Amino acid sequence: MSEKQPPKDLDEVILSDDQGNKETYKILFTFDSDDYGKSYVFLYPKNSEDSDEIEVQAFSFSPDKNGDVDAGELNPIEDPEEWDMVQEVLNTFTSDEE
């Protein structure tokens, strides 16, 4: 498993909700899982980056030709075991940051 920080010029994605409202998200980090054969990304709303608490969202994704996140290729994580693995990676990341 390898963690990757996004290049500074590719550290944001824009997501749309069901009503077509768009919001810019910052990429916290991405990582690859050999166990699941997927890439994952952690995002948080750009407008909350100065807040004490931020809501982090996780998705699996298909990297573009450069290996970067493409917002059109984000997929929800639906398998409970896969979600547990992703949550463990985030917990490790946040405990390392402290």
PDB file of N, CA and C in Angstrom:
ATOM      1  N   MET A   1       0.854  -1.160   0.000  1.00  0.00           N
ATOM      2  CA  MET A   1       0.000   0.000   0.000  1.00  0.00           C
ATOM      3  C   MET A   1       0.903   1.226   0.000  1.00  0.00           C
ATOM      4  N   SER A   2       0.616   2.173  -0.892  1.00  0.00           N
ATOM      5  CA  SER A   2       1.427   3.366  -0.955  1.00  0.00           C
ATOM      6  C   SER A   2       0.545   4.599  -0.933  1.00  0.00           C
ATOM      7  N   GLU A   3       0.946   5.583  -0.112  1.00  0.00           N
ATOM      8  CA  GLU A   3       0.222   6.842  -0.040  1.00  0.00           C
ATOM      9  C   GLU A   3       0.851   7.811  -1.017  1.00  0.00           C
ATOM     10  N   LYS A   4       0.010   8.640  -1.638  1.00  0.00           N
ATOM     11  CA  LYS A   4       0.519   9.630  -2.562  1.00  0.00           C
ATOM     12  C   LYS A   4      -0.125  10.967  -2.258  1.00  0.00           C
ATOM     13  N   GLN A   5       0.688  12.008  -2.173  1.00  0.00           N
ATOM     14  CA  GLN A   5       0.174  13.358  -2.048  1.00  0.00           C
ATOM     15  C   GLN A   5      -0.033  13.894  -3.457  1.00  0.00           C
ATOM     16  N   PRO A   6      -1.127  14.604  -3.704  1.00  0.00           N
ATOM     17  CA  PRO A   6      -1.373  15.118  -5.048  1.00  0.00           C
ATOM     18  C   PRO A   6      -0.424  16.254  -5.387  1.00  0.00           C
ATOM     19  N   PRO A   7      -0.082  16.407  -6.670  1.00  0.00           N
ATOM     20  CA  PRO A   7       0.690  17.581  -7.071  1.00  0.00           C
ATOM     21  C   PRO A   7      -0.103  18.835  -6.731  1.00  0.00           C
ATOM     22  N   LYS A   8       0.567  19.921  -6.426  1.00  0.00           N
ATOM     23  CA  LYS A   8      -0.102  21.144  -5.982  1.00  0.00           C
ATOM     24  C   LYS A   8      -1.135  21.652  -6.983  1.00  0.00           C
ATOM     25  N   ASP A   9      -0.894  21.474  -8.287  1.00  0.00           N
ATOM     26  CA  ASP A   9      -1.836  21.981  -9.276  1.00  0.00           C
ATOM     27  C   ASP A   9      -2.993  21.023  -9.521  1.00  0.00           C
ATOM     28  N   LEU A  10      -2.958  19.831  -8.914  1.00  0.00           N
ATOM     29  CA  LEU A  10      -4.022  18.843  -9.098  1.00  0.00           C
ATOM     30  C   LEU A  10      -4.578  18.387  -7.759  1.00  0.00           C
ATOM     31  N   ASP A  11      -4.722  19.325  -6.831  1.00  0.00           N
ATOM     32  CA  ASP A  11      -5.131  18.926  -5.491  1.00  0.00           C
ATOM     33  C   ASP A  11      -6.601  19.209  -5.189  1.00  0.00           C
ATOM     34  N   GLU A  12      -7.404  19.475  -6.238  1.00  0.00           N
ATOM     35  CA  GLU A  12      -8.823  19.739  -6.045  1.00  0.00           C
ATOM     36  C   GLU A  12      -9.651  19.005  -7.093  1.00  0.00           C
ATOM     37  N   VAL A  13     -10.879  18.660  -6.712  1.00  0.00           N
ATOM     38  CA  VAL A  13     -11.863  18.126  -7.651  1.00  0.00           C
ATOM     39  C   VAL A  13     -13.189  18.827  -7.368  1.00  0.00           C
ATOM     40  N   ILE A  14     -14.025  18.903  -8.374  1.00  0.00           N
ATOM     41  CA  ILE A  14     -15.351  19.493  -8.218  1.00  0.00           C
ATOM     42  C   ILE A  14     -16.371  18.369  -8.337  1.00  0.00           C
ATOM     43  N   LEU A  15     -17.210  18.254  -7.310  1.00  0.00           N
ATOM     44  CA  LEU A  15     -18.243  17.233  -7.289  1.00  0.00           C
ATOM     45  C   LEU A  15     -19.609  17.887  -7.390  1.00  0.00           C
ATOM     46  N   SER A  16     -20.535  17.203  -8.045  1.00  0.00           N
ATOM     47  CA  SER A  16     -21.917  17.670  -8.166  1.00  0.00           C
ATOM     48  C   SER A  16     -22.829  16.724  -7.402  1.00  0.00           C
ATOM     49  N   ASP A  17     -23.819  17.293  -6.716  1.00  0.00           N
ATOM     50  CA  ASP A  17     -24.794  16.450  -6.033  1.00  0.00           C
ATOM     51  C   ASP A  17     -25.949  16.128  -6.984  1.00  0.00           C
ATOM     52  N   ASP A  18     -26.970  15.452  -6.473  1.00  0.00           N
ATOM     53  CA  ASP A  18     -28.109  15.030  -7.297  1.00  0.00           C
ATOM     54  C   ASP A  18     -28.864  16.207  -7.921  1.00  0.00           C
ATOM     55  N   GLN A  19     -28.808  17.378  -7.286  1.00  0.00           N
ATOM     56  CA  GLN A  19     -29.504  18.551  -7.800  1.00  0.00           C
ATOM     57  C   GLN A  19     -28.631  19.389  -8.731  1.00  0.00           C
ATOM     58  N   GLY A  20     -27.407  18.939  -8.989  1.00  0.00           N
ATOM     59  CA  GLY A  20     -26.508  19.673  -9.876  1.00  0.00           C
ATOM     60  C   GLY A  20     -25.699  20.756  -9.181  1.00  0.00           C
ATOM     61  N   ASN A  21     -25.795  20.843  -7.857  1.00  0.00           N
ATOM     62  CA  ASN A  21     -24.990  21.807  -7.106  1.00  0.00           C
ATOM     63  C   ASN A  21     -23.545  21.337  -7.091  1.00  0.00           C
ATOM     64  N   LYS A  22     -22.629  22.247  -7.377  1.00  0.00           N
ATOM     65  CA  LYS A  22     -21.210  21.887  -7.439  1.00  0.00           C
ATOM     66  C   LYS A  22     -20.479  22.411  -6.214  1.00  0.00           C
ATOM     67  N   GLU A  23     -19.522  21.604  -5.742  1.00  0.00           N
ATOM     68  CA  GLU A  23     -18.699  22.005  -4.609  1.00  0.00           C
ATOM     69  C   GLU A  23     -17.268  21.545  -4.867  1.00  0.00           C
ATOM     70  N   THR A  24     -16.329  22.395  -4.510  1.00  0.00           N
ATOM     71  CA  THR A  24     -14.922  22.065  -4.684  1.00  0.00           C
ATOM     72  C   THR A  24     -14.423  21.338  -3.445  1.00  0.00           C
ATOM     73  N   TYR A  25     -13.727  20.233  -3.679  1.00  0.00           N
ATOM     74  CA  TYR A  25     -13.137  19.433  -2.616  1.00  0.00           C
ATOM     75  C   TYR A  25     -11.634  19.410  -2.776  1.00  0.00           C
ATOM     76  N   LYS A  26     -10.932  19.446  -1.665  1.00  0.00           N
ATOM     77  CA  LYS A  26      -9.477  19.306  -1.649  1.00  0.00           C
ATOM     78  C   LYS A  26      -9.156  17.823  -1.480  1.00  0.00           C
ATOM     79  N   ILE A  27      -8.095  17.398  -2.126  1.00  0.00           N
ATOM     80  CA  ILE A  27      -7.628  16.018  -1.988  1.00  0.00           C
ATOM     81  C   ILE A  27      -6.671  15.962  -0.806  1.00  0.00           C
ATOM     82  N   LEU A  28      -7.036  15.172   0.190  1.00  0.00           N
ATOM     83  CA  LEU A  28      -6.182  14.995   1.363  1.00  0.00           C
ATOM     84  C   LEU A  28      -4.995  14.118   0.987  1.00  0.00           C
ATOM     85  N   PHE A  29      -5.280  12.929   0.469  1.00  0.00           N
ATOM     86  CA  PHE A  29      -4.261  12.054  -0.095  1.00  0.00           C
ATOM     87  C   PHE A  29      -4.923  10.903  -0.808  1.00  0.00           C
ATOM     88  N   THR A  30      -4.135  10.196  -1.600  1.00  0.00           N
ATOM     89  CA  THR A  30      -4.600   9.001  -2.295  1.00  0.00           C
ATOM     90  C   THR A  30      -3.711   7.839  -1.886  1.00  0.00           C
ATOM     91  N   PHE A  31      -4.222   6.630  -2.064  1.00  0.00           N
ATOM     92  CA  PHE A  31      -3.403   5.449  -1.821  1.00  0.00           C
ATOM     93  C   PHE A  31      -3.924   4.302  -2.666  1.00  0.00           C
ATOM     94  N   ASP A  32      -3.071   3.317  -2.868  1.00  0.00           N
ATOM     95  CA  ASP A  32      -3.415   2.120  -3.615  1.00  0.00           C
ATOM     96  C   ASP A  32      -3.461   0.937  -2.667  1.00  0.00           C
ATOM     97  N   SER A  33      -4.391   0.034  -2.901  1.00  0.00           N
ATOM     98  CA  SER A  33      -4.496  -1.184  -2.098  1.00  0.00           C
ATOM     99  C   SER A  33      -4.246  -2.387  -3.001  1.00  0.00           C
ATOM    100  N   ASP A  34      -3.215  -3.140  -2.678  1.00  0.00           N
ATOM    101  CA  ASP A  34      -2.946  -4.370  -3.423  1.00  0.00           C
ATOM    102  C   ASP A  34      -4.010  -5.425  -3.119  1.00  0.00           C
ATOM    103  N   ASP A  35      -4.525  -5.427  -1.881  1.00  0.00           N
ATOM    104  CA  ASP A  35      -5.544  -6.411  -1.490  1.00  0.00           C
ATOM    105  C   ASP A  35      -6.813  -6.282  -2.325  1.00  0.00           C
ATOM    106  N   TYR A  36      -7.213  -5.043  -2.629  1.00  0.00           N
ATOM    107  CA  TYR A  36      -8.448  -4.822  -3.379  1.00  0.00           C
ATOM    108  C   TYR A  36      -8.186  -4.447  -4.833  1.00  0.00           C
ATOM    109  N   GLY A  37      -6.927  -4.195  -5.186  1.00  0.00           N
ATOM    110  CA  GLY A  37      -6.589  -3.836  -6.557  1.00  0.00           C
ATOM    111  C   GLY A  37      -7.222  -2.527  -6.995  1.00  0.00           C
ATOM    112  N   LYS A  38      -7.326  -1.582  -6.056  1.00  0.00           N
ATOM    113  CA  LYS A  38      -7.969  -0.304  -6.338  1.00  0.00           C
ATOM    114  C   LYS A  38      -7.123   0.849  -5.809  1.00  0.00           C
ATOM    115  N   SER A  39      -7.450   2.034  -6.323  1.00  0.00           N
ATOM    116  CA  SER A  39      -6.901   3.278  -5.801  1.00  0.00           C
ATOM    117  C   SER A  39      -8.009   3.979  -5.022  1.00  0.00           C
ATOM    118  N   TYR A  40      -7.618   4.719  -3.989  1.00  0.00           N
ATOM    119  CA  TYR A  40      -8.575   5.404  -3.123  1.00  0.00           C
ATOM    120  C   TYR A  40      -8.152   6.844  -2.931  1.00  0.00           C
ATOM    121  N   VAL A  41      -9.141   7.693  -2.672  1.00  0.00           N
ATOM    122  CA  VAL A  41      -8.874   9.107  -2.424  1.00  0.00           C
ATOM    123  C   VAL A  41      -9.700   9.567  -1.226  1.00  0.00           C
ATOM    124  N   PHE A  42      -9.093  10.432  -0.417  1.00  0.00           N
ATOM    125  CA  PHE A  42      -9.782  11.090   0.687  1.00  0.00           C
ATOM    126  C   PHE A  42      -9.946  12.553   0.305  1.00  0.00           C
ATOM    127  N   LEU A  43     -11.181  13.055   0.412  1.00  0.00           N
ATOM    128  CA  LEU A  43     -11.519  14.430   0.050  1.00  0.00           C
ATOM    129  C   LEU A  43     -12.178  15.133   1.224  1.00  0.00           C
ATOM    130  N   TYR A  44     -12.058  16.472   1.242  1.00  0.00           N
ATOM    131  CA  TYR A  44     -12.809  17.272   2.203  1.00  0.00           C
ATOM    132  C   TYR A  44     -13.214  18.571   1.520  1.00  0.00           C
ATOM    133  N   PRO A  45     -14.345  19.159   1.931  1.00  0.00           N
ATOM    134  CA  PRO A  45     -14.818  20.392   1.292  1.00  0.00           C
ATOM    135  C   PRO A  45     -13.790  21.521   1.448  1.00  0.00           C
ATOM    136  N   LYS A  46     -13.490  22.168   0.341  1.00  0.00           N
ATOM    137  CA  LYS A  46     -12.507  23.255   0.356  1.00  0.00           C
ATOM    138  C   LYS A  46     -12.930  24.372   1.305  1.00  0.00           C
ATOM    139  N   ASN A  47     -14.229  24.659   1.360  1.00  0.00           N
ATOM    140  CA  ASN A  47     -14.699  25.759   2.208  1.00  0.00           C
ATOM    141  C   ASN A  47     -14.596  25.443   3.700  1.00  0.00           C
ATOM    142  N   SER A  48     -14.199  24.226   4.057  1.00  0.00           N
ATOM    143  CA  SER A  48     -14.068  23.878   5.476  1.00  0.00           C
ATOM    144  C   SER A  48     -12.612  23.699   5.897  1.00  0.00           C
ATOM    145  N   GLU A  49     -11.661  24.023   5.012  1.00  0.00           N
ATOM    146  CA  GLU A  49     -10.267  23.734   5.328  1.00  0.00           C
ATOM    147  C   GLU A  49      -9.719  24.542   6.497  1.00  0.00           C
ATOM    148  N   ASP A  50     -10.356  25.656   6.866  1.00  0.00           N
ATOM    149  CA  ASP A  50      -9.911  26.430   8.023  1.00  0.00           C
ATOM    150  C   ASP A  50     -10.691  26.097   9.296  1.00  0.00           C
ATOM    151  N   SER A  51     -11.600  25.143   9.203  1.00  0.00           N
ATOM    152  CA  SER A  51     -12.408  24.739  10.352  1.00  0.00           C
ATOM    153  C   SER A  51     -11.610  23.843  11.291  1.00  0.00           C
ATOM    154  N   ASP A  52     -12.060  23.776  12.538  1.00  0.00           N
ATOM    155  CA  ASP A  52     -11.429  22.888  13.516  1.00  0.00           C
ATOM    156  C   ASP A  52     -11.683  21.432  13.160  1.00  0.00           C
ATOM    157  N   GLU A  53     -12.862  21.157  12.628  1.00  0.00           N
ATOM    158  CA  GLU A  53     -13.219  19.802  12.232  1.00  0.00           C
ATOM    159  C   GLU A  53     -13.641  19.812  10.772  1.00  0.00           C
ATOM    160  N   ILE A  54     -13.186  18.814  10.044  1.00  0.00           N
ATOM    161  CA  ILE A  54     -13.601  18.694   8.649  1.00  0.00           C
ATOM    162  C   ILE A  54     -14.181  17.308   8.410  1.00  0.00           C
ATOM    163  N   GLU A  55     -15.132  17.243   7.507  1.00  0.00           N
ATOM    164  CA  GLU A  55     -15.753  15.971   7.152  1.00  0.00           C
ATOM    165  C   GLU A  55     -14.999  15.398   5.960  1.00  0.00           C
ATOM    166  N   VAL A  56     -14.340  14.279   6.175  1.00  0.00           N
ATOM    167  CA  VAL A  56     -13.563  13.633   5.127  1.00  0.00           C
ATOM    168  C   VAL A  56     -14.427  12.569   4.463  1.00  0.00           C
ATOM    169  N   GLN A  57     -14.387  12.539   3.141  1.00  0.00           N
ATOM    170  CA  GLN A  57     -15.102  11.529   2.369  1.00  0.00           C
ATOM    171  C   GLN A  57     -14.079  10.665   1.650  1.00  0.00           C
ATOM    172  N   ALA A  58     -14.412   9.412   1.455  1.00  0.00           N
ATOM    173  CA  ALA A  58     -13.503   8.482   0.778  1.00  0.00           C
ATOM    174  C   ALA A  58     -14.210   7.838  -0.403  1.00  0.00           C
ATOM    175  N   PHE A  59     -13.455   7.643  -1.469  1.00  0.00           N
ATOM    176  CA  PHE A  59     -13.960   6.996  -2.676  1.00  0.00           C
ATOM    177  C   PHE A  59     -12.863   6.117  -3.256  1.00  0.00           C
ATOM    178  N   SER A  60     -13.261   5.107  -3.997  1.00  0.00           N
ATOM    179  CA  SER A  60     -12.286   4.424  -4.847  1.00  0.00           C
ATOM    180  C   SER A  60     -12.332   5.158  -6.188  1.00  0.00           C
ATOM    181  N   PHE A  61     -11.259   5.066  -6.954  1.00  0.00           N
ATOM    182  CA  PHE A  61     -11.245   5.748  -8.236  1.00  0.00           C
ATOM    183  C   PHE A  61     -10.376   5.013  -9.237  1.00  0.00           C
ATOM    184  N   SER A  62     -10.655   5.286 -10.487  1.00  0.00           N
ATOM    185  CA  SER A  62      -9.834   4.780 -11.582  1.00  0.00           C
ATOM    186  C   SER A  62      -8.907   5.914 -11.991  1.00  0.00           C
ATOM    187  N   PRO A  63      -7.606   5.760 -11.799  1.00  0.00           N
ATOM    188  CA  PRO A  63      -6.683   6.845 -12.133  1.00  0.00           C
ATOM    189  C   PRO A  63      -6.737   7.185 -13.623  1.00  0.00           C
ATOM    190  N   ASP A  64      -6.528   8.474 -13.931  1.00  0.00           N
ATOM    191  CA  ASP A  64      -6.450   8.866 -15.336  1.00  0.00           C
ATOM    192  C   ASP A  64      -5.108   8.411 -15.894  1.00  0.00           C
ATOM    193  N   LYS A  65      -4.810   8.770 -17.130  1.00  0.00           N
ATOM    194  CA  LYS A  65      -3.589   8.283 -17.776  1.00  0.00           C
ATOM    195  C   LYS A  65      -2.316   8.716 -17.060  1.00  0.00           C
ATOM    196  N   ASN A  66      -2.401   9.786 -16.236  1.00  0.00           N
ATOM    197  CA  ASN A  66      -1.247  10.247 -15.464  1.00  0.00           C
ATOM    198  C   ASN A  66      -1.230   9.667 -14.052  1.00  0.00           C
ATOM    199  N   GLY A  67      -2.241   8.849 -13.733  1.00  0.00           N
ATOM    200  CA  GLY A  67      -2.323   8.264 -12.396  1.00  0.00           C
ATOM    201  C   GLY A  67      -3.006   9.159 -11.393  1.00  0.00           C
ATOM    202  N   ASP A  68      -3.656  10.232 -11.878  1.00  0.00           N
ATOM    203  CA  ASP A  68      -4.293  11.202 -10.996  1.00  0.00           C
ATOM    204  C   ASP A  68      -5.785  10.921 -10.846  1.00  0.00           C
ATOM    205  N   VAL A  69      -6.400  11.619  -9.871  1.00  0.00           N
ATOM    206  CA  VAL A  69      -7.834  11.501  -9.604  1.00  0.00           C
ATOM    207  C   VAL A  69      -8.606  12.286 -10.660  1.00  0.00           C
ATOM    208  N   ASP A  70      -9.629  11.660 -11.221  1.00  0.00           N
ATOM    209  CA  ASP A  70     -10.561  12.310 -12.137  1.00  0.00           C
ATOM    210  C   ASP A  70     -11.929  12.221 -11.473  1.00  0.00           C
ATOM    211  N   ALA A  71     -12.544  13.354 -11.168  1.00  0.00           N
ATOM    212  CA  ALA A  71     -13.799  13.364 -10.415  1.00  0.00           C
ATOM    213  C   ALA A  71     -14.887  12.521 -11.072  1.00  0.00           C
ATOM    214  N   GLY A  72     -14.842  12.349 -12.377  1.00  0.00           N
ATOM    215  CA  GLY A  72     -15.841  11.551 -13.062  1.00  0.00           C
ATOM    216  C   GLY A  72     -15.707  10.064 -12.808  1.00  0.00           C
ATOM    217  N   GLU A  73     -14.609   9.667 -12.215  1.00  0.00           N
ATOM    218  CA  GLU A  73     -14.344   8.252 -11.993  1.00  0.00           C
ATOM    219  C   GLU A  73     -14.363   7.858 -10.521  1.00  0.00           C
ATOM    220  N   LEU A  74     -14.993   8.659  -9.671  1.00  0.00           N
ATOM    221  CA  LEU A  74     -15.075   8.323  -8.249  1.00  0.00           C
ATOM    222  C   LEU A  74     -16.200   7.330  -8.023  1.00  0.00           C
ATOM    223  N   ASN A  75     -15.926   6.327  -7.195  1.00  0.00           N
ATOM    224  CA  ASN A  75     -16.911   5.288  -6.912  1.00  0.00           C
ATOM    225  C   ASN A  75     -17.106   5.143  -5.405  1.00  0.00           C
ATOM    226  N   PRO A  76     -18.348   4.949  -4.961  1.00  0.00           N
ATOM    227  CA  PRO A  76     -18.577   4.751  -3.530  1.00  0.00           C
ATOM    228  C   PRO A  76     -17.971   3.431  -3.062  1.00  0.00           C
ATOM    229  N   ILE A  77     -17.634   3.391  -1.794  1.00  0.00           N
ATOM    230  CA  ILE A  77     -17.099   2.169  -1.181  1.00  0.00           C
ATOM    231  C   ILE A  77     -18.263   1.508  -0.464  1.00  0.00           C
ATOM    232  N   GLU A  78     -18.709   0.372  -0.992  1.00  0.00           N
ATOM    233  CA  GLU A  78     -19.922  -0.258  -0.476  1.00  0.00           C
ATOM    234  C   GLU A  78     -19.668  -1.524   0.335  1.00  0.00           C
ATOM    235  N   ASP A  79     -18.530  -2.159   0.147  1.00  0.00           N
ATOM    236  CA  ASP A  79     -18.212  -3.388   0.868  1.00  0.00           C
ATOM    237  C   ASP A  79     -17.743  -3.038   2.289  1.00  0.00           C
ATOM    238  N   PRO A  80     -18.394  -3.578   3.329  1.00  0.00           N
ATOM    239  CA  PRO A  80     -18.022  -3.242   4.708  1.00  0.00           C
ATOM    240  C   PRO A  80     -16.559  -3.557   5.038  1.00  0.00           C
ATOM    241  N   GLU A  81     -16.024  -4.662   4.548  1.00  0.00           N
ATOM    242  CA  GLU A  81     -14.624  -4.998   4.823  1.00  0.00           C
ATOM    243  C   GLU A  81     -13.682  -4.017   4.135  1.00  0.00           C
ATOM    244  N   GLU A  82     -14.026  -3.637   2.923  1.00  0.00           N
ATOM    245  CA  GLU A  82     -13.224  -2.650   2.196  1.00  0.00           C
ATOM    246  C   GLU A  82     -13.278  -1.307   2.927  1.00  0.00           C
ATOM    247  N   TRP A  83     -14.461  -0.924   3.400  1.00  0.00           N
ATOM    248  CA  TRP A  83     -14.611   0.324   4.141  1.00  0.00           C
ATOM    249  C   TRP A  83     -13.772   0.303   5.423  1.00  0.00           C
ATOM    250  N   ASP A  84     -13.751  -0.828   6.121  1.00  0.00           N
ATOM    251  CA  ASP A  84     -12.933  -0.943   7.335  1.00  0.00           C
ATOM    252  C   ASP A  84     -11.457  -0.706   7.023  1.00  0.00           C
ATOM    253  N   MET A  85     -10.971  -1.263   5.906  1.00  0.00           N
ATOM    254  CA  MET A  85      -9.580  -1.072   5.498  1.00  0.00           C
ATOM    255  C   MET A  85      -9.307   0.407   5.224  1.00  0.00           C
ATOM    256  N   VAL A  86     -10.215   1.070   4.507  1.00  0.00           N
ATOM    257  CA  VAL A  86     -10.051   2.489   4.177  1.00  0.00           C
ATOM    258  C   VAL A  86     -10.063   3.324   5.453  1.00  0.00           C
ATOM    259  N   GLN A  87     -10.971   3.015   6.361  1.00  0.00           N
ATOM    260  CA  GLN A  87     -11.047   3.733   7.638  1.00  0.00           C
ATOM    261  C   GLN A  87      -9.754   3.561   8.440  1.00  0.00           C
ATOM    262  N   GLU A  88      -9.187   2.367   8.415  1.00  0.00           N
ATOM    263  CA  GLU A  88      -7.932   2.115   9.124  1.00  0.00           C
ATOM    264  C   GLU A  88      -6.793   2.954   8.542  1.00  0.00           C
ATOM    265  N   VAL A  89      -6.756   3.079   7.214  1.00  0.00           N
ATOM    266  CA  VAL A  89      -5.726   3.917   6.578  1.00  0.00           C
ATOM    267  C   VAL A  89      -5.883   5.364   7.011  1.00  0.00           C
ATOM    268  N   LEU A  90      -7.122   5.868   7.030  1.00  0.00           N
ATOM    269  CA  LEU A  90      -7.358   7.244   7.456  1.00  0.00           C
ATOM    270  C   LEU A  90      -6.967   7.433   8.918  1.00  0.00           C
ATOM    271  N   ASN A  91      -7.319   6.483   9.771  1.00  0.00           N
ATOM    272  CA  ASN A  91      -6.956   6.577  11.192  1.00  0.00           C
ATOM    273  C   ASN A  91      -5.438   6.610  11.359  1.00  0.00           C
ATOM    274  N   THR A  92      -4.729   5.800  10.596  1.00  0.00           N
ATOM    275  CA  THR A  92      -3.266   5.794  10.661  1.00  0.00           C
ATOM    276  C   THR A  92      -2.717   7.138  10.196  1.00  0.00           C
ATOM    277  N   PHE A  93      -3.261   7.674   9.113  1.00  0.00           N
ATOM    278  CA  PHE A  93      -2.827   8.966   8.586  1.00  0.00           C
ATOM    279  C   PHE A  93      -3.042  10.071   9.602  1.00  0.00           C
ATOM    280  N   THR A  94      -4.224  10.115  10.211  1.00  0.00           N
ATOM    281  CA  THR A  94      -4.509  11.190  11.161  1.00  0.00           C
ATOM    282  C   THR A  94      -3.702  11.047  12.442  1.00  0.00           C
ATOM    283  N   SER A  95      -3.424   9.826  12.874  1.00  0.00           N
ATOM    284  CA  SER A  95      -2.599   9.673  14.083  1.00  0.00           C
ATOM    285  C   SER A  95      -1.149  10.021  13.791  1.00  0.00           C
ATOM    286  N   ASP A  96      -0.693   9.800  12.556  1.00  0.00           N
ATOM    287  CA  ASP A  96       0.670  10.194  12.178  1.00  0.00           C
ATOM    288  C   ASP A  96       0.822  11.698  12.109  1.00  0.00           C
ATOM    289  N   GLU A  97      -0.251  12.410  11.755  1.00  0.00           N
ATOM    290  CA  GLU A  97      -0.232  13.866  11.628  1.00  0.00           C
ATOM    291  C   GLU A  97      -0.139  14.550  12.989  1.00  0.00           C
ATOM    292  N   GLU A  98      -0.626  13.873  14.024  1.00  0.00           N
ATOM    293  CA  GLU A  98      -0.625  14.454  15.372  1.00  0.00           C
ATOM    294  C   GLU A  98       0.714  14.298  15.970  1.00  0.00           C
TER     295      GLU A  98
END
